[in-house]
Amino acid sequence: MKAITEMEGFRIPQRLQGLEKSKIRQVADRALPGSISFGLGEPDLPTAQCIKDEAVRVITEEMNGYTLQAGIPALREKIIGEYPHLNLGIDDVFVTVGSSEALFCALMTLVEDGDEVLTPNPGFPAYPGITKIAGGVTKYYRLAGENGFAFDAEEFKAQLTDKTRVVIVLSPSNPTGRSLSRADLQAMAEALKDSGIYVISDEIYRDVYYGDERPASISEYYDKTLIVSGLSKIMSMTGWRLGWLAGPTDAIRPAWVLHGYDVTCASAISQKAALAAWTEEGKQAMTDARAVYQKRRDLIVDLFKTELGLTAFVPEGAFYTMLDVRHLGDEMEIVEKFLQAKVVTIPGSAFGSEAEGYLRISFCANEDKIREGVKRMKEALRG
């Protein structure tokens, strides 16, 4: 798909010119029938049964018209309970149509023409896209591939300017699966101290982790933080479109107004059903999902090494690994080979220059599909 440009007889607004469908979608949309997808970051696990059961009850027993624009109070109370260190009030959070809308509202609220948004490289491609729509300028801080995509505090500080309005933090990361350590977050907070810069912390993968402890949030160290999150990934609720934006009142209130004009409110059914995520059954579903993803992570990383002789990064969170294909040639040529072999992989360049030469591999596929997918990849490389 070509980037949006001037079309005959129709004027494309400047803010939309040059935008194009992300390379993730461009590749995934070309999958051949019968393909195994290591492409999209969409859980293949079923939505937790407690969520589904509650949704059925809500549909059959309750009226489900508009909710308050900010969302039902019971759900907002559960959300603010996730961030006790922030002392949020119920009006400091609103429920969104997925974390994507939360991100959109946050950037559109904070960014004016010419403002710089400091974004991780590699990082999620929606960040520069929405920044452009908001009139901002995307700048990058490096998470260098040669350093295992780790955070470098000195490099980060060097990218801050008097035009920096927003810093985006993504932990655990899409595409790398790296989680920022407490030391990383403290160093970032120290660099931002007294700057007036806002942080948008994308925490949609925060509950998909493989260590003993849930990853820390930059909001624990820096109070001018807006948190973007939701249940899409950990509870397999991508299609339910349920997320949230939480943070300081001065930024949340105008973002909330924008949200109201944008979508009115999130789905009443999704909001009510989401309350089940905070039950014992919901918590167990999260634990079970993490165990499944960890087992898949270990399997796919091992198969890449033993079957393909390739090194893949062992992620600390999310459900992605970065497969190093630099010595095999151009990454897009390799992606094309795999597409023809009916395996979908995503080129690292879709996420930024630091990921060039890698493929982002999603392990949102069961173990049989993982084994078959790696087998097809092996055959494609031999051919």
Protein backbone atom coordinates (compact mmCIF):
# COMPACT_ATOMS: atom_id res chain seq x y z
CA MET A 1 0.00 0.00 0.00
CA LYS A 2 1.40 3.37 -0.98
CA ALA A 3 1.68 6.28 1.42
CA ILE A 4 -1.20 8.75 1.41
CA THR A 5 -0.51 11.57 -1.08
CA GLU A 6 -2.55 14.12 -3.00
CA MET A 7 -5.32 12.40 -4.99
CA GLU A 8 -6.99 13.81 -8.06
CA GLY A 9 -10.05 15.82 -7.07
CA PHE A 10 -9.48 15.45 -3.34
CA ARG A 11 -7.23 17.39 -0.99
CA ILE A 12 -5.46 15.21 1.57
CA PRO A 13 -4.82 17.16 4.79
CA GLN A 14 -1.14 17.79 5.44
CA ARG A 15 -1.29 15.85 8.71
CA LEU A 16 -2.22 12.68 6.78
CA GLN A 17 0.16 13.02 3.85
CA GLY A 18 2.92 10.46 3.90
CA LEU A 19 1.14 8.12 6.29
CA GLU A 20 0.91 4.52 5.25
CA LYS A 21 -0.21 1.24 6.67
CA SER A 22 2.45 -0.11 9.03
CA LYS A 23 4.94 -2.56 7.60
CA ILE A 24 3.60 -5.07 10.11
CA ARG A 25 0.22 -5.03 8.41
CA GLN A 26 1.70 -4.77 4.93
CA VAL A 27 3.52 -8.05 5.46
CA ALA A 28 0.82 -9.84 7.46
CA ASP A 29 -1.86 -8.97 4.91
CA ARG A 30 0.10 -10.85 2.23
CA ALA A 31 0.00 -14.18 4.03
CA LEU A 32 -0.81 -17.08 1.73
CA PRO A 33 -3.65 -19.46 2.58
CA GLY A 34 -2.49 -22.04 5.10
CA SER A 35 0.26 -19.81 6.49
CA ILE A 36 1.55 -20.03 10.03
CA SER A 37 1.76 -16.60 11.56
CA PHE A 38 4.73 -15.48 13.60
CA GLY A 39 3.64 -12.00 12.63
CA LEU A 40 0.87 -10.18 14.46
CA GLY A 41 0.98 -9.72 18.21
CA GLU A 42 -2.45 -11.16 18.80
CA PRO A 43 -2.92 -13.87 21.43
CA ASP A 44 -4.25 -17.14 20.09
CA LEU A 45 -5.37 -18.24 23.55
CA PRO A 46 -9.12 -17.97 24.13
CA THR A 47 -10.46 -15.08 26.14
CA ALA A 48 -10.53 -16.08 29.81
CA GLN A 49 -13.69 -18.06 30.60
CA CYS A 50 -14.63 -15.78 33.49
CA ILE A 51 -14.67 -12.82 31.09
CA LYS A 52 -16.82 -14.67 28.56
CA ASP A 53 -19.25 -15.89 31.21
CA GLU A 54 -19.70 -12.39 32.59
CA ALA A 55 -20.22 -10.97 29.11
CA VAL A 56 -22.99 -13.48 28.42
CA ARG A 57 -24.66 -12.59 31.70
CA VAL A 58 -24.40 -8.87 30.98
CA ILE A 59 -25.85 -9.28 27.49
CA THR A 60 -28.82 -11.33 28.67
CA GLU A 61 -29.60 -9.65 31.98
CA GLU A 62 -28.69 -5.97 31.70
CA MET A 63 -29.37 -2.90 29.63
CA ASN A 64 -26.21 -1.94 27.77
CA GLY A 65 -26.55 1.58 26.51
CA TYR A 66 -23.96 4.33 26.79
CA THR A 67 -21.88 4.37 29.94
CA LEU A 68 -20.37 7.52 31.38
CA GLN A 69 -17.84 8.81 28.88
CA ALA A 70 -15.04 8.01 31.31
CA GLY A 71 -16.33 4.48 31.81
CA ILE A 72 -18.22 2.68 34.56
CA PRO A 73 -17.04 3.72 38.04
CA ALA A 74 -16.52 0.14 39.22
CA LEU A 75 -13.99 -0.51 36.47
CA ARG A 76 -12.21 2.79 36.96
CA GLU A 77 -11.85 1.97 40.66
CA LYS A 78 -10.22 -1.35 39.76
CA ILE A 79 -7.84 0.40 37.37
CA ILE A 80 -6.67 3.05 39.83
CA GLY A 81 -6.02 0.21 42.27
CA GLU A 82 -3.28 -0.95 39.89
CA TYR A 83 -1.32 2.24 40.61
CA PRO A 84 -1.53 2.86 44.39
CA HIS A 85 1.68 4.90 44.33
CA LEU A 86 -0.01 7.61 42.23
CA ASN A 87 -2.91 8.31 44.62
CA LEU A 88 -5.26 8.70 41.66
CA GLY A 89 -8.86 9.73 42.03
CA ILE A 90 -11.61 8.16 40.00
CA ASP A 91 -11.56 11.13 37.61
CA ASP A 92 -7.85 10.56 36.87
CA VAL A 93 -8.57 7.56 34.65
CA PHE A 94 -10.91 6.88 31.76
CA VAL A 95 -11.70 3.72 29.84
CA THR A 96 -10.82 3.71 26.15
CA VAL A 97 -11.47 1.70 23.01
CA GLY A 98 -8.33 -0.36 23.43
CA SER A 99 -4.92 0.98 24.43
CA SER A 100 -4.59 2.36 20.89
CA GLU A 101 -7.24 5.00 21.59
CA ALA A 102 -5.59 5.79 24.92
CA LEU A 103 -2.30 6.41 23.11
CA PHE A 104 -4.05 8.55 20.50
CA CYS A 105 -5.80 10.67 23.12
CA ALA A 106 -2.60 11.12 25.10
CA LEU A 107 -0.49 12.29 22.17
CA MET A 108 -3.21 14.48 20.67
CA THR A 109 -3.65 16.16 24.05
CA LEU A 110 0.01 16.77 24.82
CA VAL A 111 1.55 17.55 21.43
CA GLU A 112 1.37 20.80 19.46
CA ASP A 113 2.95 21.75 16.14
CA GLY A 114 6.72 21.46 16.34
CA ASP A 115 6.85 19.64 19.68
CA GLU A 116 9.31 16.77 19.81
CA VAL A 117 8.24 13.32 20.94
CA LEU A 118 11.19 11.20 22.04
CA THR A 119 10.42 7.62 21.07
CA PRO A 120 12.28 4.32 21.56
CA ASN A 121 14.15 2.89 18.58
CA PRO A 122 13.07 0.15 18.06
CA GLY A 123 9.49 0.77 19.11
CA PHE A 124 5.88 0.43 18.10
CA PRO A 125 5.23 2.13 14.72
CA ALA A 126 2.03 3.83 15.90
CA TYR A 127 4.10 6.29 17.90
CA PRO A 128 5.55 8.27 14.97
CA GLY A 129 2.30 7.94 13.04
CA ILE A 130 0.15 9.56 15.72
CA THR A 131 2.88 12.11 16.47
CA LYS A 132 2.71 13.25 12.84
CA ILE A 133 -1.08 13.55 12.98
CA ALA A 134 -0.72 15.66 16.13
CA GLY A 135 1.75 17.97 14.36
CA GLY A 136 4.73 16.82 16.36
CA VAL A 137 8.21 15.74 15.35
CA THR A 138 9.45 12.25 16.21
CA LYS A 139 12.93 11.93 17.68
CA TYR A 140 14.49 8.72 18.87
CA TYR A 141 16.53 7.32 21.74
CA ARG A 142 18.47 4.20 20.84
CA LEU A 143 17.96 0.77 22.31
CA ALA A 144 20.96 -0.53 20.42
CA GLY A 145 20.77 -3.94 18.82
CA GLU A 146 24.47 -4.57 19.38
CA ASN A 147 23.85 -4.05 23.09
CA GLY A 148 20.93 -6.45 23.31
CA PHE A 149 18.42 -3.61 22.88
CA ALA A 150 19.30 -2.32 26.34
CA PHE A 151 18.61 1.19 27.63
CA ASP A 152 21.55 3.64 27.65
CA ALA A 153 20.96 6.48 30.10
CA GLU A 154 23.65 8.76 28.66
CA GLU A 155 22.41 8.32 25.11
CA PHE A 156 18.89 9.04 26.31
CA LYS A 157 19.90 12.26 28.02
CA ALA A 158 21.75 13.40 24.92
CA GLN A 159 18.50 13.29 22.90
CA LEU A 160 16.56 15.62 25.20
CA THR A 161 16.16 19.17 23.91
CA ASP A 162 14.20 22.27 24.84
CA LYS A 163 11.62 21.17 22.26
CA THR A 164 11.02 17.78 23.87
CA ARG A 165 7.41 17.68 25.03
CA VAL A 166 6.82 13.95 25.47
CA VAL A 167 8.93 10.85 26.08
CA ILE A 168 7.42 7.47 25.26
CA VAL A 169 8.39 4.47 27.36
CA LEU A 170 7.49 0.95 26.25
CA SER A 171 8.20 -1.80 28.76
CA PRO A 172 8.05 -4.70 28.13
CA SER A 173 8.93 -3.77 24.58
CA ASN A 174 7.27 -4.45 21.30
CA PRO A 175 9.29 -5.66 19.36
CA THR A 176 12.15 -6.82 21.60
CA GLY A 177 10.50 -8.18 24.73
CA ARG A 178 13.03 -6.28 26.85
CA SER A 179 11.81 -4.86 30.15
CA LEU A 180 13.38 -1.72 31.55
CA SER A 181 14.93 -2.34 34.95
CA ARG A 182 14.28 -0.22 38.02
CA ALA A 183 17.74 1.26 37.57
CA ASP A 184 16.89 2.17 33.95
CA LEU A 185 13.64 3.84 35.00
CA GLN A 186 15.29 5.70 37.85
CA ALA A 187 17.97 7.00 35.49
CA MET A 188 15.30 8.11 33.03
CA ALA A 189 13.35 9.86 35.77
CA GLU A 190 16.48 11.63 36.97
CA ALA A 191 17.22 12.87 33.45
CA LEU A 192 13.67 14.27 33.21
CA LYS A 193 13.57 15.84 36.67
CA ASP A 194 12.18 19.40 36.68
CA SER A 195 11.99 19.40 32.86
CA GLY A 196 8.21 19.69 32.54
CA ILE A 197 8.30 16.87 30.00
CA TYR A 198 5.48 14.36 30.11
CA VAL A 199 6.04 10.62 29.86
CA ILE A 200 3.60 8.31 28.14
CA SER A 201 4.20 4.85 29.55
CA ASP A 202 2.86 2.11 27.27
CA GLU A 203 2.25 -0.79 29.64
CA ILE A 204 0.01 -2.99 27.53
CA TYR A 205 2.45 -5.91 27.99
CA ARG A 206 3.22 -5.28 31.65
CA ASP A 207 1.32 -8.39 32.79
CA VAL A 208 3.03 -10.60 30.20
CA TYR A 209 6.31 -11.22 32.01
CA TYR A 210 8.54 -14.20 32.72
CA GLY A 211 10.46 -13.29 35.86
CA ASP A 212 9.35 -13.53 39.47
CA GLU A 213 8.21 -9.92 39.61
CA ARG A 214 5.93 -7.78 37.50
CA PRO A 215 8.04 -5.17 35.68
CA ALA A 216 8.29 -1.74 37.28
CA SER A 217 6.55 1.35 35.88
CA ILE A 218 8.25 4.69 35.21
CA SER A 219 5.28 6.20 37.08
CA GLU A 220 6.84 4.89 40.30
CA TYR A 221 9.69 7.37 39.81
CA TYR A 222 8.26 10.19 37.71
CA ASP A 223 4.89 11.76 38.48
CA LYS A 224 4.25 13.47 35.12
CA THR A 225 3.41 10.08 33.63
CA LEU A 226 0.35 9.06 31.64
CA ILE A 227 -0.18 5.32 31.67
CA VAL A 228 -1.55 3.58 28.58
CA SER A 229 -2.70 0.04 29.22
CA GLY A 230 -5.51 -2.49 28.93
CA LEU A 231 -6.41 -6.17 28.97
CA SER A 232 -5.99 -6.99 25.28
CA LYS A 233 -2.78 -8.97 25.54
CA ILE A 234 -2.80 -10.76 28.90
CA MET A 235 -6.53 -11.64 28.79
CA SER A 236 -6.74 -12.28 25.02
CA MET A 237 -9.24 -9.45 24.60
CA THR A 238 -7.92 -7.72 21.48
CA GLY A 239 -11.30 -7.65 19.78
CA TRP A 240 -13.10 -6.47 22.90
CA ARG A 241 -11.45 -3.03 22.54
CA LEU A 242 -10.88 -2.28 26.20
CA GLY A 243 -8.05 -0.08 27.45
CA TRP A 244 -7.41 2.91 29.68
CA LEU A 245 -5.50 6.12 30.19
CA ALA A 246 -4.50 7.16 33.71
CA GLY A 247 -2.37 9.94 35.12
CA PRO A 248 -2.17 13.54 36.32
CA THR A 249 -5.44 15.44 36.35
CA ASP A 250 -4.16 18.36 34.27
CA ALA A 251 -3.48 16.09 31.30
CA ILE A 252 -6.22 13.52 31.83
CA ARG A 253 -9.13 15.97 31.85
CA PRO A 254 -8.58 17.37 28.31
CA ALA A 255 -7.74 13.88 27.01
CA TRP A 256 -11.02 12.68 28.50
CA VAL A 257 -12.91 15.43 26.65
CA LEU A 258 -11.21 14.41 23.39
CA HIS A 259 -12.16 10.80 24.04
CA GLY A 260 -15.79 11.83 24.46
CA TYR A 261 -15.88 13.50 21.06
CA ASP A 262 -13.93 10.65 19.50
CA VAL A 263 -15.92 7.58 20.58
CA THR A 264 -18.39 8.71 23.30
CA CYS A 265 -17.52 5.70 25.45
CA ALA A 266 -16.03 2.22 25.32
CA SER A 267 -18.30 -0.79 24.89
CA ALA A 268 -20.60 -1.21 27.89
CA ILE A 269 -20.46 -4.99 27.56
CA SER A 270 -16.66 -5.07 27.41
CA GLN A 271 -16.37 -2.75 30.41
CA LYS A 272 -18.70 -4.80 32.59
CA ALA A 273 -17.17 -8.11 31.54
CA ALA A 274 -13.66 -6.77 32.19
CA LEU A 275 -14.39 -6.57 35.92
CA ALA A 276 -13.93 -10.34 36.00
CA ALA A 277 -10.21 -9.82 35.34
CA TRP A 278 -9.86 -8.76 38.98
CA THR A 279 -11.49 -11.92 40.38
CA GLU A 280 -9.51 -14.94 41.54
CA GLU A 281 -10.46 -16.67 38.28
CA GLY A 282 -9.15 -13.72 36.31
CA LYS A 283 -5.87 -13.63 38.19
CA GLN A 284 -5.43 -17.37 37.63
CA ALA A 285 -6.09 -16.91 33.91
CA MET A 286 -3.25 -14.38 33.79
CA THR A 287 -0.91 -16.78 35.58
CA ASP A 288 -1.87 -19.61 33.23
CA ALA A 289 -1.33 -17.43 30.14
CA ARG A 290 2.14 -16.40 31.30
CA ALA A 291 3.08 -20.06 31.78
CA VAL A 292 1.94 -20.92 28.26
CA TYR A 293 3.85 -18.04 26.68
CA GLN A 294 7.00 -18.82 28.65
CA LYS A 295 6.94 -22.43 27.48
CA ARG A 296 6.50 -21.27 23.89
CA ARG A 297 9.28 -18.71 24.28
CA ASP A 298 11.73 -21.36 25.45
CA LEU A 299 10.69 -23.73 22.67
CA ILE A 300 10.98 -21.28 19.79
CA VAL A 301 14.29 -19.80 20.91
CA ASP A 302 15.71 -23.32 21.24
CA LEU A 303 14.38 -24.41 17.83
CA PHE A 304 15.89 -21.38 16.12
CA LYS A 305 19.24 -22.36 17.57
CA THR A 306 19.11 -26.12 17.02
CA GLU A 307 17.21 -26.25 13.71
CA LEU A 308 18.26 -23.02 12.01
CA GLY A 309 21.55 -22.23 13.71
CA LEU A 310 20.23 -18.71 14.42
CA THR A 311 20.31 -16.66 17.59
CA ALA A 312 17.11 -15.26 19.02
CA PHE A 313 16.88 -12.86 21.94
CA VAL A 314 15.32 -14.36 25.08
CA PRO A 315 12.57 -11.88 25.97
CA GLU A 316 11.77 -10.88 29.54
CA GLY A 317 8.18 -9.99 28.68
CA ALA A 318 5.61 -9.67 25.88
CA PHE A 319 5.41 -12.54 23.37
CA TYR A 320 8.06 -11.60 20.83
CA THR A 321 11.63 -12.55 20.16
CA MET A 322 14.11 -10.86 17.85
CA LEU A 323 15.73 -13.31 15.44
CA ASP A 324 19.15 -12.26 14.20
CA VAL A 325 19.36 -12.80 10.42
CA ARG A 326 22.02 -10.18 9.65
CA HIS A 327 24.49 -12.68 8.22
CA LEU A 328 21.85 -14.20 5.91
CA GLY A 329 21.38 -11.09 3.77
CA ASP A 330 18.67 -8.50 3.31
CA GLU A 331 15.91 -8.90 5.89
CA MET A 332 13.09 -8.24 3.41
CA GLU A 333 14.39 -10.91 1.05
CA ILE A 334 14.32 -13.34 3.97
CA VAL A 335 10.83 -12.26 4.93
CA GLU A 336 9.75 -12.87 1.32
CA LYS A 337 11.27 -16.36 1.36
CA PHE A 338 9.35 -17.19 4.49
CA LEU A 339 6.12 -15.74 3.08
CA GLN A 340 6.44 -18.03 0.09
CA ALA A 341 7.03 -20.91 2.50
CA LYS A 342 3.80 -19.91 4.25
CA VAL A 343 5.35 -18.45 7.39
CA VAL A 344 4.70 -14.85 8.34
CA THR A 345 7.54 -12.95 10.01
CA ILE A 346 7.99 -9.19 10.43
CA PRO A 347 11.14 -7.30 9.37
CA GLY A 348 12.86 -5.49 12.21
CA SER A 349 12.98 -2.30 10.18
CA ALA A 350 9.21 -2.01 10.74
CA PHE A 351 10.10 -0.90 14.26
CA GLY A 352 13.11 1.30 13.60
CA SER A 353 16.66 1.36 12.32
CA GLU A 354 18.09 -0.32 15.43
CA ALA A 355 16.19 -3.50 14.59
CA GLU A 356 17.33 -3.77 10.97
CA GLY A 357 18.77 -7.19 10.29
CA TYR A 358 16.43 -8.85 12.75
CA LEU A 359 12.99 -10.38 12.38
CA ARG A 360 10.34 -9.87 15.01
CA ILE A 361 8.87 -13.26 15.76
CA SER A 362 5.59 -13.52 17.63
CA PHE A 363 5.01 -16.76 19.49
CA CYS A 364 1.22 -16.38 19.55
CA ALA A 365 0.93 -19.86 18.07
CA ASN A 366 0.65 -23.25 19.74
CA GLU A 367 3.62 -25.57 20.03
CA ASP A 368 2.66 -27.71 17.04
CA LYS A 369 2.46 -24.62 14.84
CA ILE A 370 5.75 -23.34 16.21
CA ARG A 371 7.47 -26.61 15.30
CA GLU A 372 5.88 -26.67 11.83
CA GLY A 373 6.68 -23.02 11.25
CA VAL A 374 10.35 -23.46 12.10
CA LYS A 375 10.44 -26.55 9.86
CA ARG A 376 9.10 -24.49 6.94
CA MET A 377 11.62 -21.74 7.66
CA LYS A 378 14.45 -24.29 7.61
CA GLU A 379 13.31 -25.62 4.27
CA ALA A 380 13.01 -22.10 2.85
CA LEU A 381 16.56 -21.24 3.89
CA ARG A 382 17.89 -24.45 2.33
CA GLY A 383 16.17 -23.64 -0.95
